[in-house]
């Protein structure tokens, strides 16, 4: 999954590119995602699963990983 995000800041736009969203990998590298980006990514995973039901990680949907469970408040 790849995202190109453009955030307007007055007269210019900040560009953010995310390649291969993986909260666990980022955390292992001691470079965790900012909270807003983590929540956005987890929400995208959840939405994709709700619509397509096509993403799984070890039998569980990606959005049910520990990193996402905390930001999405899933038990």
N, C-alpha and C. Protein backbone atom coordinates (compact mmCIF):
# COMPACT_ATOMS: atom_id res chain seq x y z
N UNK A 1 0.85 -1.17 0.00
CA UNK A 1 0.00 0.00 0.00
C UNK A 1 0.90 1.24 0.00
N UNK A 2 0.60 2.17 -0.86
CA UNK A 2 1.39 3.40 -1.00
C UNK A 2 0.44 4.59 -0.94
N UNK A 3 0.84 5.63 -0.20
CA UNK A 3 0.02 6.84 -0.10
C UNK A 3 0.85 8.06 -0.45
N UNK A 4 0.23 8.97 -1.17
CA UNK A 4 0.78 10.31 -1.40
C UNK A 4 -0.22 11.28 -0.80
N UNK A 5 0.19 11.95 0.28
CA UNK A 5 -0.69 12.85 1.02
C UNK A 5 -0.19 14.27 0.84
N UNK A 6 -1.10 15.18 0.56
CA UNK A 6 -0.74 16.60 0.43
C UNK A 6 -1.56 17.38 1.45
N UNK A 7 -0.85 18.09 2.33
CA UNK A 7 -1.49 18.86 3.39
C UNK A 7 -1.27 20.34 3.11
N UNK A 8 -2.38 21.10 2.90
CA UNK A 8 -2.20 22.53 2.62
C UNK A 8 -1.75 23.30 3.86
N UNK A 9 -0.76 24.15 3.66
CA UNK A 9 -0.25 25.04 4.70
C UNK A 9 -0.17 26.44 4.10
N UNK A 10 -1.26 27.16 4.12
CA UNK A 10 -1.26 28.49 3.53
C UNK A 10 -1.04 28.44 2.03
N UNK A 11 0.05 29.03 1.57
CA UNK A 11 0.32 29.12 0.14
C UNK A 11 1.04 27.90 -0.43
N UNK A 12 1.51 26.99 0.43
CA UNK A 12 2.19 25.79 -0.07
C UNK A 12 1.56 24.53 0.52
N UNK A 13 1.90 23.40 -0.08
CA UNK A 13 1.41 22.11 0.39
C UNK A 13 2.58 21.27 0.87
N UNK A 14 2.40 20.65 2.02
CA UNK A 14 3.39 19.70 2.52
C UNK A 14 3.06 18.35 1.92
N UNK A 15 4.07 17.68 1.36
CA UNK A 15 3.86 16.38 0.75
C UNK A 15 4.41 15.30 1.68
N UNK A 16 3.61 14.28 1.90
CA UNK A 16 4.01 13.14 2.72
C UNK A 16 3.81 11.90 1.88
N UNK A 17 4.83 11.07 1.79
CA UNK A 17 4.72 9.82 1.04
C UNK A 17 4.97 8.66 2.00
N UNK A 18 4.06 7.71 2.01
CA UNK A 18 4.19 6.53 2.85
C UNK A 18 4.24 5.31 1.93
N UNK A 19 5.31 4.55 2.05
CA UNK A 19 5.46 3.32 1.29
C UNK A 19 5.44 2.14 2.25
N UNK A 20 4.61 1.17 1.97
CA UNK A 20 4.55 -0.05 2.79
C UNK A 20 4.30 0.24 4.27
N UNK A 21 3.16 0.84 4.58
CA UNK A 21 2.77 1.16 5.94
C UNK A 21 2.91 -0.08 6.83
N UNK A 22 3.71 0.03 7.86
CA UNK A 22 3.94 -1.08 8.77
C UNK A 22 4.33 -0.54 10.14
N UNK A 23 3.35 -0.36 11.02
CA UNK A 23 3.65 0.19 12.36
C UNK A 23 4.66 -0.65 13.14
N UNK A 24 4.56 -1.97 13.06
CA UNK A 24 5.47 -2.83 13.82
C UNK A 24 6.91 -2.65 13.33
N UNK A 25 7.12 -2.60 12.03
CA UNK A 25 8.47 -2.41 11.48
C UNK A 25 9.04 -1.05 11.87
N UNK A 26 8.22 -0.02 11.79
CA UNK A 26 8.68 1.32 12.16
C UNK A 26 9.07 1.37 13.63
N UNK A 27 8.28 0.72 14.48
CA UNK A 27 8.57 0.70 15.92
C UNK A 27 9.86 -0.06 16.19
N UNK A 28 10.07 -1.20 15.50
CA UNK A 28 11.29 -2.00 15.68
C UNK A 28 12.53 -1.21 15.29
N UNK A 29 12.40 -0.32 14.32
CA UNK A 29 13.53 0.52 13.89
C UNK A 29 13.68 1.75 14.79
N UNK A 30 12.87 1.81 15.85
CA UNK A 30 12.86 2.94 16.78
C UNK A 30 12.50 4.25 16.07
N UNK A 31 11.62 4.15 15.06
CA UNK A 31 11.13 5.31 14.33
C UNK A 31 9.61 5.19 14.18
N UNK A 32 8.89 5.16 15.29
CA UNK A 32 7.43 4.97 15.20
C UNK A 32 6.76 6.11 14.45
N UNK A 33 5.62 5.78 13.86
CA UNK A 33 4.85 6.79 13.14
C UNK A 33 4.28 7.82 14.12
N UNK A 34 4.12 9.06 13.66
CA UNK A 34 3.40 10.04 14.49
C UNK A 34 1.98 9.52 14.74
N UNK A 35 1.38 9.84 15.89
CA UNK A 35 0.05 9.31 16.23
C UNK A 35 -1.00 9.52 15.15
N UNK A 36 -1.03 10.69 14.51
CA UNK A 36 -2.05 10.96 13.49
C UNK A 36 -1.87 10.04 12.28
N UNK A 37 -0.62 9.81 11.86
CA UNK A 37 -0.37 8.93 10.72
C UNK A 37 -0.68 7.48 11.07
N UNK A 38 -0.35 7.07 12.28
CA UNK A 38 -0.67 5.72 12.72
C UNK A 38 -2.18 5.50 12.69
N UNK A 39 -2.94 6.44 13.23
CA UNK A 39 -4.39 6.29 13.25
C UNK A 39 -4.96 6.29 11.83
N UNK A 40 -4.46 7.16 10.96
CA UNK A 40 -4.92 7.19 9.58
C UNK A 40 -4.67 5.85 8.89
N UNK A 41 -3.46 5.33 9.04
CA UNK A 41 -3.13 4.05 8.41
C UNK A 41 -4.00 2.91 8.92
N UNK A 42 -4.21 2.86 10.22
CA UNK A 42 -5.04 1.81 10.80
C UNK A 42 -6.49 1.94 10.35
N UNK A 43 -6.98 3.17 10.24
CA UNK A 43 -8.34 3.38 9.75
C UNK A 43 -8.47 2.96 8.29
N UNK A 44 -7.45 3.22 7.49
CA UNK A 44 -7.47 2.77 6.09
C UNK A 44 -7.50 1.24 6.04
N UNK A 45 -6.67 0.59 6.84
CA UNK A 45 -6.68 -0.88 6.88
C UNK A 45 -8.06 -1.40 7.26
N UNK A 46 -8.67 -0.78 8.28
CA UNK A 46 -9.99 -1.23 8.73
C UNK A 46 -11.04 -1.03 7.64
N UNK A 47 -11.01 0.12 7.00
CA UNK A 47 -11.96 0.40 5.93
C UNK A 47 -11.79 -0.59 4.78
N UNK A 48 -10.55 -0.85 4.37
CA UNK A 48 -10.30 -1.82 3.30
C UNK A 48 -10.83 -3.19 3.69
N UNK A 49 -10.63 -3.58 4.94
CA UNK A 49 -11.12 -4.87 5.39
C UNK A 49 -12.65 -4.90 5.39
N UNK A 50 -13.28 -3.81 5.84
CA UNK A 50 -14.75 -3.74 5.87
C UNK A 50 -15.33 -3.82 4.46
N UNK A 51 -14.66 -3.19 3.50
CA UNK A 51 -15.17 -3.14 2.13
C UNK A 51 -14.80 -4.40 1.34
N UNK A 52 -13.53 -4.79 1.40
CA UNK A 52 -13.04 -5.88 0.57
C UNK A 52 -12.82 -7.19 1.33
N UNK A 53 -12.56 -7.09 2.64
CA UNK A 53 -12.27 -8.29 3.42
C UNK A 53 -11.04 -9.02 2.94
N UNK A 54 -10.07 -8.28 2.36
CA UNK A 54 -8.95 -8.94 1.70
C UNK A 54 -7.61 -8.86 2.42
N UNK A 55 -7.54 -8.23 3.57
CA UNK A 55 -6.25 -8.08 4.23
C UNK A 55 -6.21 -8.90 5.51
N UNK A 56 -5.18 -9.70 5.64
CA UNK A 56 -5.04 -10.49 6.86
C UNK A 56 -3.57 -10.62 7.22
N UNK A 57 -3.30 -10.75 8.49
CA UNK A 57 -1.95 -10.91 9.02
C UNK A 57 -2.01 -12.03 10.03
N UNK A 58 -1.47 -13.17 9.70
CA UNK A 58 -1.52 -14.31 10.59
C UNK A 58 -2.94 -14.72 10.92
N UNK A 59 -3.85 -14.58 9.95
CA UNK A 59 -5.25 -14.95 10.17
C UNK A 59 -6.11 -13.83 10.70
N UNK A 60 -5.48 -12.74 11.16
CA UNK A 60 -6.21 -11.58 11.68
C UNK A 60 -6.11 -10.43 10.69
N UNK A 61 -7.15 -9.60 10.59
CA UNK A 61 -7.02 -8.41 9.74
C UNK A 61 -5.89 -7.52 10.25
N UNK A 62 -5.23 -6.82 9.32
CA UNK A 62 -4.11 -5.94 9.69
C UNK A 62 -4.48 -4.96 10.80
N UNK A 63 -5.69 -4.39 10.73
CA UNK A 63 -6.06 -3.35 11.70
C UNK A 63 -6.20 -3.90 13.11
N UNK A 64 -6.16 -5.22 13.29
CA UNK A 64 -6.25 -5.80 14.62
C UNK A 64 -4.87 -6.07 15.24
N UNK A 65 -3.79 -5.63 14.57
CA UNK A 65 -2.46 -5.74 15.16
C UNK A 65 -2.40 -4.87 16.41
N UNK A 66 -1.48 -5.17 17.29
CA UNK A 66 -1.38 -4.44 18.56
C UNK A 66 -1.27 -2.93 18.38
N UNK A 67 -0.45 -2.50 17.43
CA UNK A 67 -0.28 -1.05 17.22
C UNK A 67 -1.60 -0.39 16.88
N UNK A 68 -2.40 -1.02 16.06
CA UNK A 68 -3.68 -0.44 15.65
C UNK A 68 -4.76 -0.59 16.72
N UNK A 69 -4.71 -1.69 17.45
CA UNK A 69 -5.73 -1.89 18.48
C UNK A 69 -5.74 -0.74 19.48
N UNK A 70 -4.56 -0.24 19.80
CA UNK A 70 -4.50 0.83 20.80
C UNK A 70 -5.06 2.15 20.26
N UNK A 71 -4.74 2.51 19.01
CA UNK A 71 -5.24 3.78 18.48
C UNK A 71 -6.70 3.72 18.06
N UNK A 72 -7.17 2.52 17.69
CA UNK A 72 -8.57 2.37 17.30
C UNK A 72 -9.44 1.93 18.48
N UNK A 73 -8.82 1.73 19.65
CA UNK A 73 -9.51 1.33 20.87
C UNK A 73 -10.29 0.05 20.68
N UNK A 74 -9.63 -0.96 20.09
CA UNK A 74 -10.21 -2.28 19.87
C UNK A 74 -9.73 -3.19 20.99
N UNK A 75 -10.61 -4.02 21.47
CA UNK A 75 -10.24 -4.95 22.55
C UNK A 75 -9.79 -6.27 21.99
